[in-house]
N, C-alpha and C. Protein backbone atom coordinates (compact mmCIF):
# COMPACT_ATOMS: atom_id res chain seq x y z
N UNK A 1 3.14 32.37 -2.77
CA UNK A 1 2.74 33.74 -2.47
C UNK A 1 3.79 34.40 -1.60
N UNK A 2 3.83 35.70 -1.62
CA UNK A 2 4.63 36.47 -0.69
C UNK A 2 4.02 37.86 -0.59
N UNK A 3 4.30 38.50 0.55
CA UNK A 3 3.81 39.87 0.73
C UNK A 3 4.68 40.57 1.76
N UNK A 4 4.60 41.88 1.79
CA UNK A 4 5.37 42.71 2.72
C UNK A 4 4.44 43.19 3.83
N UNK A 5 4.51 42.55 5.02
CA UNK A 5 3.49 42.82 6.05
C UNK A 5 3.48 44.25 6.56
N UNK A 6 4.60 44.98 6.43
CA UNK A 6 4.61 46.37 6.89
C UNK A 6 4.12 47.34 5.82
N UNK A 7 3.85 46.81 4.62
CA UNK A 7 3.45 47.69 3.53
C UNK A 7 2.12 47.32 2.89
N UNK A 8 1.70 46.08 3.06
CA UNK A 8 0.47 45.65 2.41
C UNK A 8 -0.25 44.62 3.26
N UNK A 9 -1.54 44.50 3.02
CA UNK A 9 -2.35 43.54 3.76
C UNK A 9 -2.05 42.13 3.31
N UNK A 10 -2.32 41.19 4.19
CA UNK A 10 -2.12 39.78 3.83
C UNK A 10 -3.05 39.40 2.69
N UNK A 11 -2.53 38.69 1.68
CA UNK A 11 -3.40 38.22 0.59
C UNK A 11 -4.30 37.06 1.00
N UNK A 12 -4.04 36.50 2.18
CA UNK A 12 -4.88 35.43 2.69
C UNK A 12 -6.02 36.02 3.53
N UNK A 13 -7.12 35.34 3.64
CA UNK A 13 -8.24 35.87 4.43
C UNK A 13 -7.94 35.95 5.92
N UNK A 14 -6.97 35.15 6.40
CA UNK A 14 -6.55 35.18 7.79
C UNK A 14 -5.04 35.38 7.83
N UNK A 15 -4.58 36.25 8.72
CA UNK A 15 -3.15 36.56 8.77
C UNK A 15 -2.34 35.32 9.16
N UNK A 16 -1.31 34.98 8.38
CA UNK A 16 -0.53 33.78 8.68
C UNK A 16 0.59 34.02 9.69
N UNK A 17 0.88 35.26 10.05
CA UNK A 17 2.08 35.57 10.81
C UNK A 17 2.18 34.78 12.11
N UNK A 18 1.13 34.83 12.94
CA UNK A 18 1.18 34.16 14.23
C UNK A 18 1.11 32.65 14.10
N UNK A 19 0.77 32.15 12.93
CA UNK A 19 0.68 30.71 12.73
C UNK A 19 1.98 30.11 12.22
N UNK A 20 3.02 30.93 12.09
CA UNK A 20 4.30 30.44 11.60
C UNK A 20 5.26 30.09 12.72
N UNK A 21 5.27 30.86 13.78
CA UNK A 21 6.12 30.57 14.93
C UNK A 21 5.32 29.71 15.90
N UNK A 22 5.35 28.41 15.67
CA UNK A 22 4.52 27.49 16.45
C UNK A 22 5.30 26.19 16.72
N UNK A 23 4.95 25.48 17.78
CA UNK A 23 4.03 25.92 18.83
C UNK A 23 4.72 26.88 19.79
N UNK A 24 3.95 27.72 20.44
CA UNK A 24 4.52 28.67 21.39
C UNK A 24 4.10 28.28 22.80
N UNK A 25 5.07 28.18 23.74
CA UNK A 25 4.70 27.87 25.12
C UNK A 25 3.83 28.97 25.71
N UNK A 26 2.94 28.57 26.59
CA UNK A 26 1.99 29.51 27.18
C UNK A 26 2.51 30.01 28.52
N UNK A 27 2.58 31.32 28.66
CA UNK A 27 2.90 31.92 29.95
C UNK A 27 1.62 32.15 30.72
N UNK A 28 1.23 31.16 31.52
CA UNK A 28 0.01 31.31 32.34
C UNK A 28 0.45 31.96 33.64
N UNK A 29 0.31 33.28 33.70
CA UNK A 29 0.98 34.07 34.72
C UNK A 29 0.01 34.61 35.76
N UNK A 30 0.32 34.33 37.01
CA UNK A 30 -0.48 34.86 38.11
C UNK A 30 0.32 35.94 38.84
N UNK A 31 -0.41 36.91 39.35
CA UNK A 31 0.22 38.04 40.03
C UNK A 31 -0.78 38.66 40.98
N UNK A 32 -0.35 39.66 41.70
CA UNK A 32 -1.23 40.37 42.62
C UNK A 32 -0.92 41.86 42.53
N UNK A 33 -1.95 42.67 42.60
CA UNK A 33 -1.75 44.11 42.51
C UNK A 33 -1.33 44.67 43.86
N UNK A 34 -0.89 45.92 43.86
CA UNK A 34 -0.52 46.59 45.11
C UNK A 34 -1.71 46.69 46.04
N UNK A 35 -2.93 46.69 45.47
CA UNK A 35 -4.15 46.75 46.28
C UNK A 35 -4.63 45.38 46.73
N UNK A 36 -3.92 44.31 46.31
CA UNK A 36 -4.26 42.96 46.75
C UNK A 36 -5.19 42.20 45.82
N UNK A 37 -5.47 42.72 44.62
CA UNK A 37 -6.32 42.00 43.66
C UNK A 37 -5.49 40.94 42.96
N UNK A 38 -5.95 39.69 42.99
CA UNK A 38 -5.22 38.57 42.40
C UNK A 38 -5.61 38.40 40.94
N UNK A 39 -4.60 38.18 40.11
CA UNK A 39 -4.79 38.16 38.66
C UNK A 39 -4.13 36.92 38.06
N UNK A 40 -4.72 36.38 37.01
CA UNK A 40 -4.07 35.32 36.24
C UNK A 40 -4.50 35.44 34.79
N UNK A 41 -3.57 35.29 33.87
CA UNK A 41 -3.86 35.42 32.45
C UNK A 41 -2.82 34.66 31.64
N UNK A 42 -3.22 34.15 30.45
CA UNK A 42 -2.27 33.46 29.57
C UNK A 42 -1.61 34.41 28.59
N UNK A 43 -0.33 34.21 28.35
CA UNK A 43 0.43 34.99 27.37
C UNK A 43 1.13 34.01 26.43
N UNK A 44 1.02 34.25 25.13
CA UNK A 44 1.61 33.33 24.16
C UNK A 44 2.99 33.76 23.69
N UNK A 45 3.49 34.88 24.22
CA UNK A 45 4.88 35.25 24.00
C UNK A 45 5.63 35.07 25.32
N UNK A 46 6.05 33.85 25.59
CA UNK A 46 6.70 33.48 26.85
C UNK A 46 7.86 32.54 26.53
N UNK A 47 8.99 32.74 27.22
CA UNK A 47 10.14 31.89 26.92
C UNK A 47 11.17 31.98 28.04
N UNK A 48 12.00 30.93 28.16
CA UNK A 48 13.16 31.01 29.03
C UNK A 48 14.29 31.71 28.27
N UNK A 49 15.20 32.37 28.99
CA UNK A 49 16.29 33.12 28.37
C UNK A 49 17.63 32.46 28.56
N UNK A 50 17.92 32.05 29.78
CA UNK A 50 19.19 31.41 30.10
C UNK A 50 18.98 30.55 31.33
N UNK A 51 20.01 29.75 31.66
CA UNK A 51 19.87 28.83 32.79
C UNK A 51 20.84 29.15 33.92
N UNK A 52 21.73 30.11 33.74
CA UNK A 52 22.72 30.41 34.76
C UNK A 52 22.91 31.93 34.90
N UNK A 53 22.01 32.62 35.64
CA UNK A 53 20.91 32.07 36.44
C UNK A 53 19.67 31.82 35.58
N UNK A 54 18.73 31.01 36.07
CA UNK A 54 17.50 30.80 35.32
C UNK A 54 16.74 32.13 35.15
N UNK A 55 16.49 32.49 33.90
CA UNK A 55 15.74 33.72 33.61
C UNK A 55 14.66 33.43 32.57
N UNK A 56 13.59 34.20 32.65
CA UNK A 56 12.46 34.05 31.73
C UNK A 56 12.03 35.42 31.24
N UNK A 57 11.17 35.42 30.21
CA UNK A 57 10.61 36.66 29.71
C UNK A 57 9.20 36.41 29.19
N UNK A 58 8.41 37.47 29.18
CA UNK A 58 7.15 37.44 28.45
C UNK A 58 6.90 38.83 27.89
N UNK A 59 6.14 38.88 26.81
CA UNK A 59 5.78 40.18 26.25
C UNK A 59 4.27 40.30 26.24
N UNK A 60 3.79 41.52 26.48
CA UNK A 60 2.37 41.77 26.58
C UNK A 60 2.00 42.99 25.75
N UNK A 61 1.14 42.79 24.78
CA UNK A 61 0.64 43.91 24.00
C UNK A 61 -0.28 44.78 24.85
N UNK A 62 -0.28 46.07 24.59
CA UNK A 62 -1.21 46.97 25.25
C UNK A 62 -2.63 46.73 24.74
N UNK A 63 -3.61 47.25 25.48
CA UNK A 63 -4.97 47.27 24.99
C UNK A 63 -5.11 48.35 23.92
N UNK A 64 -6.13 48.29 23.08
CA UNK A 64 -6.31 49.30 22.04
C UNK A 64 -6.38 50.73 22.56
N UNK A 65 -6.84 50.90 23.81
CA UNK A 65 -6.92 52.25 24.38
C UNK A 65 -5.62 52.69 25.04
N UNK A 66 -4.56 51.86 24.94
CA UNK A 66 -3.26 52.23 25.47
C UNK A 66 -2.98 51.75 26.88
N UNK A 67 -3.97 51.13 27.53
CA UNK A 67 -3.73 50.60 28.87
C UNK A 67 -2.76 49.42 28.81
N UNK A 68 -1.92 49.28 29.82
CA UNK A 68 -0.99 48.17 29.90
C UNK A 68 -1.66 47.01 30.64
N UNK A 69 -1.20 45.80 30.35
CA UNK A 69 -1.80 44.61 30.95
C UNK A 69 -1.55 44.57 32.46
N UNK A 70 -2.53 44.02 33.18
CA UNK A 70 -2.43 43.97 34.64
C UNK A 70 -1.18 43.22 35.10
N UNK A 71 -0.83 42.13 34.42
CA UNK A 71 0.34 41.34 34.82
C UNK A 71 1.60 42.18 34.78
N UNK A 72 1.73 43.02 33.76
CA UNK A 72 2.89 43.90 33.63
C UNK A 72 2.95 44.88 34.79
N UNK A 73 1.84 45.54 35.04
CA UNK A 73 1.79 46.53 36.12
C UNK A 73 2.05 45.86 37.46
N UNK A 74 1.45 44.69 37.68
CA UNK A 74 1.62 43.99 38.96
C UNK A 74 3.07 43.55 39.16
N UNK A 75 3.70 43.03 38.11
CA UNK A 75 5.09 42.59 38.23
C UNK A 75 6.00 43.76 38.55
N UNK A 76 5.79 44.88 37.88
CA UNK A 76 6.62 46.05 38.14
C UNK A 76 6.38 46.61 39.53
N UNK A 77 5.14 46.58 39.99
CA UNK A 77 4.78 47.20 41.27
C UNK A 77 5.20 46.36 42.46
N UNK A 78 4.93 45.05 42.39
CA UNK A 78 5.21 44.17 43.53
C UNK A 78 6.54 43.46 43.43
N UNK A 79 7.09 43.35 42.20
CA UNK A 79 8.38 42.70 42.02
C UNK A 79 8.30 41.20 41.82
N UNK A 80 7.08 40.63 41.70
CA UNK A 80 6.95 39.17 41.59
C UNK A 80 5.79 38.78 40.69
N UNK A 81 5.89 37.60 40.07
CA UNK A 81 4.77 36.93 39.43
C UNK A 81 5.10 35.44 39.40
N UNK A 82 4.12 34.62 39.06
CA UNK A 82 4.30 33.16 39.02
C UNK A 82 3.89 32.64 37.66
N UNK A 83 4.73 31.76 37.10
CA UNK A 83 4.36 31.02 35.90
C UNK A 83 3.79 29.68 36.32
N UNK A 84 2.59 29.38 35.84
CA UNK A 84 1.92 28.10 36.09
C UNK A 84 1.88 27.33 34.77
N UNK A 85 2.38 26.10 34.76
CA UNK A 85 2.37 25.33 33.52
C UNK A 85 0.93 25.04 33.09
N UNK A 86 0.61 25.37 31.85
CA UNK A 86 -0.72 25.13 31.31
C UNK A 86 -0.77 23.72 30.74
N UNK A 87 -1.74 22.94 31.15
CA UNK A 87 -1.86 21.54 30.72
C UNK A 87 -3.21 21.29 30.06
N UNK A 88 -3.30 20.14 29.39
CA UNK A 88 -4.55 19.78 28.72
C UNK A 88 -5.69 19.70 29.72
N UNK A 89 -5.42 19.16 30.90
CA UNK A 89 -6.47 19.05 31.92
C UNK A 89 -6.97 20.41 32.38
N UNK A 90 -6.12 21.44 32.27
CA UNK A 90 -6.47 22.78 32.73
C UNK A 90 -6.84 23.73 31.58
N UNK A 91 -7.04 23.18 30.40
CA UNK A 91 -7.23 24.02 29.21
C UNK A 91 -8.43 24.96 29.32
N UNK A 92 -9.52 24.51 29.89
CA UNK A 92 -10.70 25.37 30.00
C UNK A 92 -10.43 26.55 30.93
N UNK A 93 -9.73 26.29 32.02
CA UNK A 93 -9.39 27.38 32.95
C UNK A 93 -8.42 28.36 32.30
N UNK A 94 -7.46 27.84 31.52
CA UNK A 94 -6.53 28.73 30.81
C UNK A 94 -7.30 29.65 29.88
N UNK A 95 -8.24 29.08 29.13
CA UNK A 95 -9.02 29.86 28.19
C UNK A 95 -9.89 30.89 28.90
N UNK A 96 -10.54 30.48 29.98
CA UNK A 96 -11.40 31.40 30.73
C UNK A 96 -10.60 32.55 31.33
N UNK A 97 -9.37 32.27 31.74
CA UNK A 97 -8.56 33.32 32.37
C UNK A 97 -8.11 34.38 31.38
N UNK A 98 -8.33 34.16 30.08
CA UNK A 98 -7.99 35.15 29.07
C UNK A 98 -9.03 36.27 28.97
N UNK A 99 -10.11 36.17 29.72
CA UNK A 99 -11.14 37.21 29.68
C UNK A 99 -10.56 38.56 30.07
N UNK A 100 -11.04 39.59 29.42
CA UNK A 100 -10.62 40.96 29.77
C UNK A 100 -11.53 41.48 30.87
N UNK A 101 -10.99 41.56 32.08
CA UNK A 101 -11.75 42.05 33.23
C UNK A 101 -11.20 43.39 33.69
N UNK A 102 -11.96 44.07 34.50
CA UNK A 102 -11.48 45.31 35.09
C UNK A 102 -10.36 45.00 36.08
N UNK A 103 -9.43 45.95 36.30
CA UNK A 103 -8.29 45.68 37.19
C UNK A 103 -8.67 45.29 38.61
N UNK A 104 -9.89 45.68 39.06
CA UNK A 104 -10.28 45.37 40.43
C UNK A 104 -11.05 44.05 40.53
N UNK A 105 -11.09 43.26 39.44
CA UNK A 105 -11.79 41.99 39.44
C UNK A 105 -10.79 40.87 39.18
N UNK A 106 -10.87 39.79 39.95
CA UNK A 106 -9.92 38.69 39.84
C UNK A 106 -10.45 37.58 38.95
N UNK A 107 -9.62 37.15 38.00
CA UNK A 107 -9.97 36.01 37.14
C UNK A 107 -10.14 34.72 37.95
N UNK A 108 -9.42 34.62 39.07
CA UNK A 108 -9.50 33.41 39.88
C UNK A 108 -10.94 33.11 40.32
N UNK A 109 -11.75 34.15 40.46
CA UNK A 109 -13.13 33.95 40.91
C UNK A 109 -13.97 33.20 39.87
N UNK A 110 -13.48 33.11 38.64
CA UNK A 110 -14.23 32.47 37.56
C UNK A 110 -13.69 31.08 37.19
N UNK A 111 -12.62 30.62 37.84
CA UNK A 111 -11.92 29.44 37.36
C UNK A 111 -12.24 28.16 38.13
N UNK A 112 -12.66 28.26 39.36
CA UNK A 112 -12.94 27.07 40.14
C UNK A 112 -11.70 26.26 40.47
N UNK A 113 -10.56 26.92 40.59
CA UNK A 113 -9.30 26.25 40.89
C UNK A 113 -8.87 26.52 42.33
N UNK A 114 -7.95 25.70 42.81
CA UNK A 114 -7.42 25.86 44.16
C UNK A 114 -6.23 26.81 44.14
N UNK A 115 -6.25 27.79 45.03
CA UNK A 115 -5.14 28.72 45.11
C UNK A 115 -4.15 28.29 46.19
N UNK A 116 -2.88 28.21 45.80
CA UNK A 116 -1.79 28.09 46.76
C UNK A 116 -1.04 29.41 46.69
N UNK A 117 -0.07 29.60 47.58
CA UNK A 117 0.63 30.89 47.57
C UNK A 117 2.14 30.68 47.53
N UNK A 118 2.79 31.57 46.81
CA UNK A 118 4.23 31.49 46.61
C UNK A 118 4.99 31.67 47.92
N UNK A 119 6.21 31.19 47.95
CA UNK A 119 7.05 31.31 49.14
C UNK A 119 7.63 32.71 49.31
N UNK A 120 7.95 33.36 48.18
CA UNK A 120 8.69 34.61 48.24
C UNK A 120 7.82 35.84 48.37
N UNK A 121 6.57 35.75 47.97
CA UNK A 121 5.66 36.89 48.00
C UNK A 121 4.23 36.34 48.00
N UNK A 122 3.25 37.13 48.44
CA UNK A 122 1.87 36.63 48.51
C UNK A 122 1.19 36.58 47.14
N UNK A 123 1.81 35.86 46.21
CA UNK A 123 1.27 35.73 44.85
C UNK A 123 0.54 34.40 44.75
N UNK A 124 -0.69 34.39 44.22
CA UNK A 124 -1.43 33.13 44.09
C UNK A 124 -0.83 32.25 43.01
N UNK A 125 -0.90 30.95 43.23
CA UNK A 125 -0.47 29.96 42.26
C UNK A 125 -1.62 28.98 42.04
N UNK A 126 -1.64 28.32 40.89
CA UNK A 126 -2.65 27.30 40.60
C UNK A 126 -2.18 25.98 41.20
N UNK A 127 -2.85 25.55 42.24
CA UNK A 127 -2.45 24.32 42.92
C UNK A 127 -2.45 23.13 41.97
N UNK A 128 -3.41 23.10 41.05
CA UNK A 128 -3.55 21.97 40.15
C UNK A 128 -2.49 21.93 39.05
N UNK A 129 -1.78 23.01 38.84
CA UNK A 129 -0.73 23.02 37.83
C UNK A 129 0.48 22.24 38.34
N UNK A 130 1.05 21.33 37.54
CA UNK A 130 2.11 20.45 38.04
C UNK A 130 3.47 21.12 38.21
N UNK A 131 3.69 22.24 37.53
CA UNK A 131 4.98 22.94 37.61
C UNK A 131 4.72 24.43 37.73
N UNK A 132 5.44 25.07 38.65
CA UNK A 132 5.26 26.51 38.86
C UNK A 132 6.63 27.16 39.12
N UNK A 133 6.83 28.35 38.55
CA UNK A 133 8.03 29.14 38.78
C UNK A 133 7.66 30.41 39.54
N UNK A 134 8.35 30.67 40.63
CA UNK A 134 8.23 31.97 41.29
C UNK A 134 9.26 32.90 40.64
N UNK A 135 8.80 33.95 40.00
CA UNK A 135 9.64 34.81 39.18
C UNK A 135 9.80 36.19 39.81
N UNK A 136 11.05 36.61 39.96
CA UNK A 136 11.36 37.92 40.52
C UNK A 136 11.60 38.92 39.40
N UNK A 137 10.84 39.97 39.39
CA UNK A 137 10.94 40.98 38.33
C UNK A 137 12.35 41.53 38.22
N UNK A 138 12.83 41.63 36.98
CA UNK A 138 14.16 42.18 36.72
C UNK A 138 14.07 43.53 36.03
N UNK A 139 13.38 43.60 34.89
CA UNK A 139 13.33 44.85 34.13
C UNK A 139 12.25 44.77 33.06
N UNK A 140 11.95 45.92 32.47
CA UNK A 140 10.98 46.02 31.38
C UNK A 140 11.62 46.72 30.20
N UNK A 141 11.37 46.18 29.03
CA UNK A 141 11.79 46.84 27.79
C UNK A 141 10.54 47.10 26.95
N UNK A 142 10.25 48.37 26.69
CA UNK A 142 9.07 48.72 25.92
C UNK A 142 9.44 48.91 24.44
N UNK A 143 8.65 48.27 23.58
CA UNK A 143 8.87 48.38 22.14
C UNK A 143 7.64 49.04 21.53
N UNK A 144 7.76 50.26 21.01
CA UNK A 144 6.59 50.92 20.41
C UNK A 144 6.18 50.25 19.11
N UNK A 145 4.88 50.15 18.89
CA UNK A 145 4.37 49.58 17.66
C UNK A 145 3.79 50.64 16.76
N UNK A 146 3.14 50.21 15.69
CA UNK A 146 2.48 51.15 14.78
C UNK A 146 1.13 51.61 15.30
N UNK A 147 0.69 51.01 16.38
CA UNK A 147 -0.59 51.36 17.01
C UNK A 147 -0.47 51.09 18.49
N UNK A 148 -1.40 51.60 19.30
CA UNK A 148 -1.34 51.30 20.74
C UNK A 148 -1.33 49.80 21.03
N UNK A 149 -2.16 49.02 20.32
CA UNK A 149 -2.21 47.59 20.58
C UNK A 149 -0.97 46.89 20.07
N UNK A 150 -0.23 47.51 19.15
CA UNK A 150 1.00 46.93 18.65
C UNK A 150 2.19 47.17 19.55
N UNK A 151 2.05 48.06 20.52
CA UNK A 151 3.13 48.36 21.46
C UNK A 151 3.20 47.26 22.52
N UNK A 152 4.42 46.78 22.82
CA UNK A 152 4.57 45.69 23.77
C UNK A 152 5.50 46.06 24.92
N UNK A 153 5.19 45.49 26.07
CA UNK A 153 6.09 45.50 27.22
C UNK A 153 6.73 44.13 27.30
N UNK A 154 8.07 44.08 27.29
CA UNK A 154 8.78 42.82 27.46
C UNK A 154 9.33 42.79 28.88
N UNK A 155 8.88 41.82 29.65
CA UNK A 155 9.24 41.71 31.06
C UNK A 155 10.29 40.61 31.22
N UNK A 156 11.38 40.93 31.89
CA UNK A 156 12.43 39.97 32.20
C UNK A 156 12.41 39.67 33.70
N UNK A 157 12.67 38.42 34.06
CA UNK A 157 12.63 38.03 35.47
C UNK A 157 13.57 36.87 35.72
N UNK A 158 14.01 36.74 36.97
CA UNK A 158 14.79 35.58 37.40
C UNK A 158 13.86 34.60 38.09
N UNK A 159 14.15 33.31 37.93
CA UNK A 159 13.34 32.27 38.58
C UNK A 159 13.98 31.95 39.92
N UNK A 160 13.26 32.24 40.99
CA UNK A 160 13.81 32.10 42.34
C UNK A 160 13.42 30.79 43.02
N UNK A 161 12.23 30.27 42.72
CA UNK A 161 11.77 29.01 43.32
C UNK A 161 11.00 28.23 42.28
N UNK A 162 11.26 26.93 42.18
CA UNK A 162 10.56 26.05 41.25
C UNK A 162 9.79 25.00 42.05
N UNK A 163 8.50 24.87 41.74
CA UNK A 163 7.64 23.86 42.38
C UNK A 163 7.30 22.79 41.34
N UNK A 164 7.52 21.51 41.68
CA UNK A 164 7.21 20.41 40.77
C UNK A 164 6.44 19.35 41.56
N UNK A 165 5.30 18.94 41.03
CA UNK A 165 4.53 17.86 41.63
C UNK A 165 5.32 16.56 41.50
N UNK A 166 5.54 15.87 42.61
CA UNK A 166 6.31 14.63 42.58
C UNK A 166 5.73 13.60 41.63
N UNK A 167 4.42 13.66 41.37
CA UNK A 167 3.77 12.66 40.54
C UNK A 167 4.15 12.77 39.07
N UNK A 168 4.76 13.88 38.66
CA UNK A 168 5.13 14.03 37.25
C UNK A 168 6.64 13.90 37.06
N UNK A 169 7.34 13.36 38.05
CA UNK A 169 8.77 13.10 37.96
C UNK A 169 8.98 11.61 37.73
N UNK A 170 9.76 11.27 36.71
CA UNK A 170 10.01 9.87 36.40
C UNK A 170 11.01 9.28 37.41
N UNK A 171 11.17 7.95 37.37
CA UNK A 171 12.06 7.29 38.31
C UNK A 171 13.52 7.71 38.11
N UNK A 172 13.88 8.15 36.89
CA UNK A 172 15.26 8.58 36.66
C UNK A 172 15.42 10.10 36.82
N UNK A 173 14.37 10.77 37.33
CA UNK A 173 14.51 12.16 37.70
C UNK A 173 14.24 13.18 36.61
N UNK A 174 13.45 12.81 35.61
CA UNK A 174 13.07 13.75 34.55
C UNK A 174 11.58 14.09 34.67
N UNK A 175 11.19 15.20 34.02
CA UNK A 175 9.77 15.50 33.94
C UNK A 175 9.10 14.54 32.97
N UNK A 176 7.97 13.99 33.36
CA UNK A 176 7.21 13.09 32.51
C UNK A 176 6.26 13.93 31.65
N UNK A 177 6.77 14.42 30.53
CA UNK A 177 6.00 15.34 29.70
C UNK A 177 4.75 14.69 29.15
N UNK A 178 4.82 13.41 28.76
CA UNK A 178 3.64 12.75 28.22
C UNK A 178 2.54 12.62 29.27
N UNK A 179 2.91 12.57 30.53
CA UNK A 179 1.92 12.52 31.61
C UNK A 179 1.38 13.92 31.91
N UNK A 180 2.23 14.93 31.84
CA UNK A 180 1.81 16.31 32.11
C UNK A 180 0.87 16.82 31.03
N UNK A 181 1.14 16.50 29.78
CA UNK A 181 0.38 16.99 28.63
C UNK A 181 0.29 18.51 28.59
N UNK A 182 1.44 19.20 28.50
CA UNK A 182 1.39 20.65 28.39
C UNK A 182 0.74 21.08 27.07
N UNK A 183 0.06 22.20 27.09
CA UNK A 183 -0.54 22.73 25.87
C UNK A 183 0.28 23.92 25.38
N UNK A 184 0.17 24.20 24.10
CA UNK A 184 0.91 25.29 23.49
C UNK A 184 0.01 26.02 22.50
N UNK A 185 0.39 27.25 22.21
CA UNK A 185 -0.41 28.11 21.34
C UNK A 185 0.00 27.92 19.89
N UNK A 186 -0.98 27.82 19.03
CA UNK A 186 -0.76 27.86 17.59
C UNK A 186 -1.28 29.21 17.09
N UNK A 187 -1.74 29.29 15.86
CA UNK A 187 -2.31 30.53 15.37
C UNK A 187 -3.83 30.48 15.46
N UNK A 188 -4.46 31.57 15.02
CA UNK A 188 -5.92 31.65 15.00
C UNK A 188 -6.47 31.37 16.41
N UNK A 189 -7.40 30.43 16.53
CA UNK A 189 -7.91 30.03 17.85
C UNK A 189 -7.42 28.62 18.20
N UNK A 190 -6.33 28.21 17.61
CA UNK A 190 -5.87 26.82 17.72
C UNK A 190 -4.77 26.64 18.77
N UNK A 191 -4.80 25.46 19.40
CA UNK A 191 -3.79 25.05 20.37
C UNK A 191 -3.35 23.63 20.02
N UNK A 192 -2.30 23.18 20.67
CA UNK A 192 -1.87 21.79 20.53
C UNK A 192 -1.48 21.26 21.90
N UNK A 193 -1.33 19.95 21.99
CA UNK A 193 -0.96 19.32 23.26
C UNK A 193 0.21 18.38 23.01
N UNK A 194 1.17 18.35 23.93
CA UNK A 194 2.34 17.49 23.80
C UNK A 194 2.03 16.13 24.44
N UNK A 195 1.98 15.11 23.59
CA UNK A 195 1.79 13.74 24.08
C UNK A 195 2.89 12.81 23.58
N UNK A 196 3.48 13.14 22.45
CA UNK A 196 4.54 12.31 21.86
C UNK A 196 5.86 13.07 21.90
N UNK A 197 6.91 12.42 22.34
CA UNK A 197 8.24 13.03 22.37
C UNK A 197 9.24 12.06 21.77
N UNK A 198 10.35 12.59 21.28
CA UNK A 198 11.44 11.74 20.82
C UNK A 198 12.75 12.44 21.16
N UNK A 199 13.83 11.66 21.23
CA UNK A 199 15.12 12.19 21.66
C UNK A 199 16.09 12.22 20.48
N UNK A 200 16.85 13.32 20.42
CA UNK A 200 17.96 13.41 19.47
C UNK A 200 19.14 14.02 20.21
N UNK A 201 20.26 13.32 20.23
CA UNK A 201 21.47 13.82 20.89
C UNK A 201 22.44 14.34 19.85
N UNK A 202 23.02 15.51 20.11
CA UNK A 202 23.94 16.13 19.17
C UNK A 202 25.21 15.29 19.09
N UNK A 203 25.62 14.88 17.90
CA UNK A 203 26.84 14.07 17.78
C UNK A 203 28.06 14.82 18.31
N UNK A 204 28.84 14.15 19.15
CA UNK A 204 30.07 14.73 19.66
C UNK A 204 29.89 15.83 20.68
N UNK A 205 28.69 15.97 21.25
CA UNK A 205 28.46 17.02 22.25
C UNK A 205 29.37 16.81 23.45
N UNK A 206 30.07 17.88 23.86
CA UNK A 206 30.98 17.76 24.99
C UNK A 206 30.24 17.95 26.31
N UNK A 207 30.97 17.86 27.40
CA UNK A 207 30.37 17.93 28.74
C UNK A 207 29.64 19.24 28.95
N UNK A 208 30.23 20.36 28.48
CA UNK A 208 29.60 21.66 28.68
C UNK A 208 28.29 21.76 27.91
N UNK A 209 28.26 21.22 26.69
CA UNK A 209 27.03 21.25 25.90
C UNK A 209 25.95 20.41 26.55
N UNK A 210 26.31 19.24 27.05
CA UNK A 210 25.33 18.39 27.74
C UNK A 210 24.83 19.06 29.00
N UNK A 211 25.71 19.79 29.68
CA UNK A 211 25.32 20.49 30.90
C UNK A 211 24.25 21.52 30.59
N UNK A 212 24.39 22.22 29.47
CA UNK A 212 23.41 23.23 29.10
C UNK A 212 22.06 22.65 28.76
N UNK A 213 22.04 21.43 28.26
CA UNK A 213 20.79 20.80 27.85
C UNK A 213 20.15 19.97 28.97
N UNK A 214 20.98 19.33 29.77
CA UNK A 214 20.45 18.38 30.77
C UNK A 214 20.60 18.86 32.20
N UNK A 215 21.52 19.78 32.45
CA UNK A 215 21.77 20.20 33.82
C UNK A 215 22.89 19.41 34.45
N UNK A 216 22.91 19.38 35.76
CA UNK A 216 23.99 18.73 36.49
C UNK A 216 24.02 17.23 36.23
N UNK A 217 25.11 16.68 35.70
CA UNK A 217 25.15 15.23 35.46
C UNK A 217 25.27 14.47 36.78
N UNK A 218 24.86 13.20 36.74
CA UNK A 218 24.91 12.37 37.95
C UNK A 218 26.37 12.06 38.32
């Protein structure tokens, strides 16, 4: 089968588009408003951009009525947000935090999690999350869609502080991904969890290439 998504409806009963780019890392992002309301929500369009300096991005669709997401407004207003790694153990809290609440209501009140606070700004972090990035707002790029909900804000930020739980670091200094069990977004209402990993090294990779993949060599 094939179809033109900008010209015709999907011939399948469920749209396959979001189920093709998988798995997608989850941007479980916490922030605080100028009025002090603490917010946390998951975003499935989240990614790192570069490592020198470390930069990240996420995109957030508008609501059908044209309102922008709280995380976008908070990042632009305060200049900061935090990425909390979403794990299998925290999956229910991640899902609950996706609720659409009024801007003056905090999702944290519904999660039963411990709040810690970032070093650079009074932004709440999920204490139970094993890895957290303190992200400094850089810029916004708005992409208009065919509808209000299709319009997205793409937020770029630099990573200023990284928090890692010592218990998820292996003896040779790597993240123990099988122990962390990060979750990722699939399509529809589906998710996956990382439990199995394997290594492939690029043949003939030079020092600079290894540096980009592994970081500072010993």
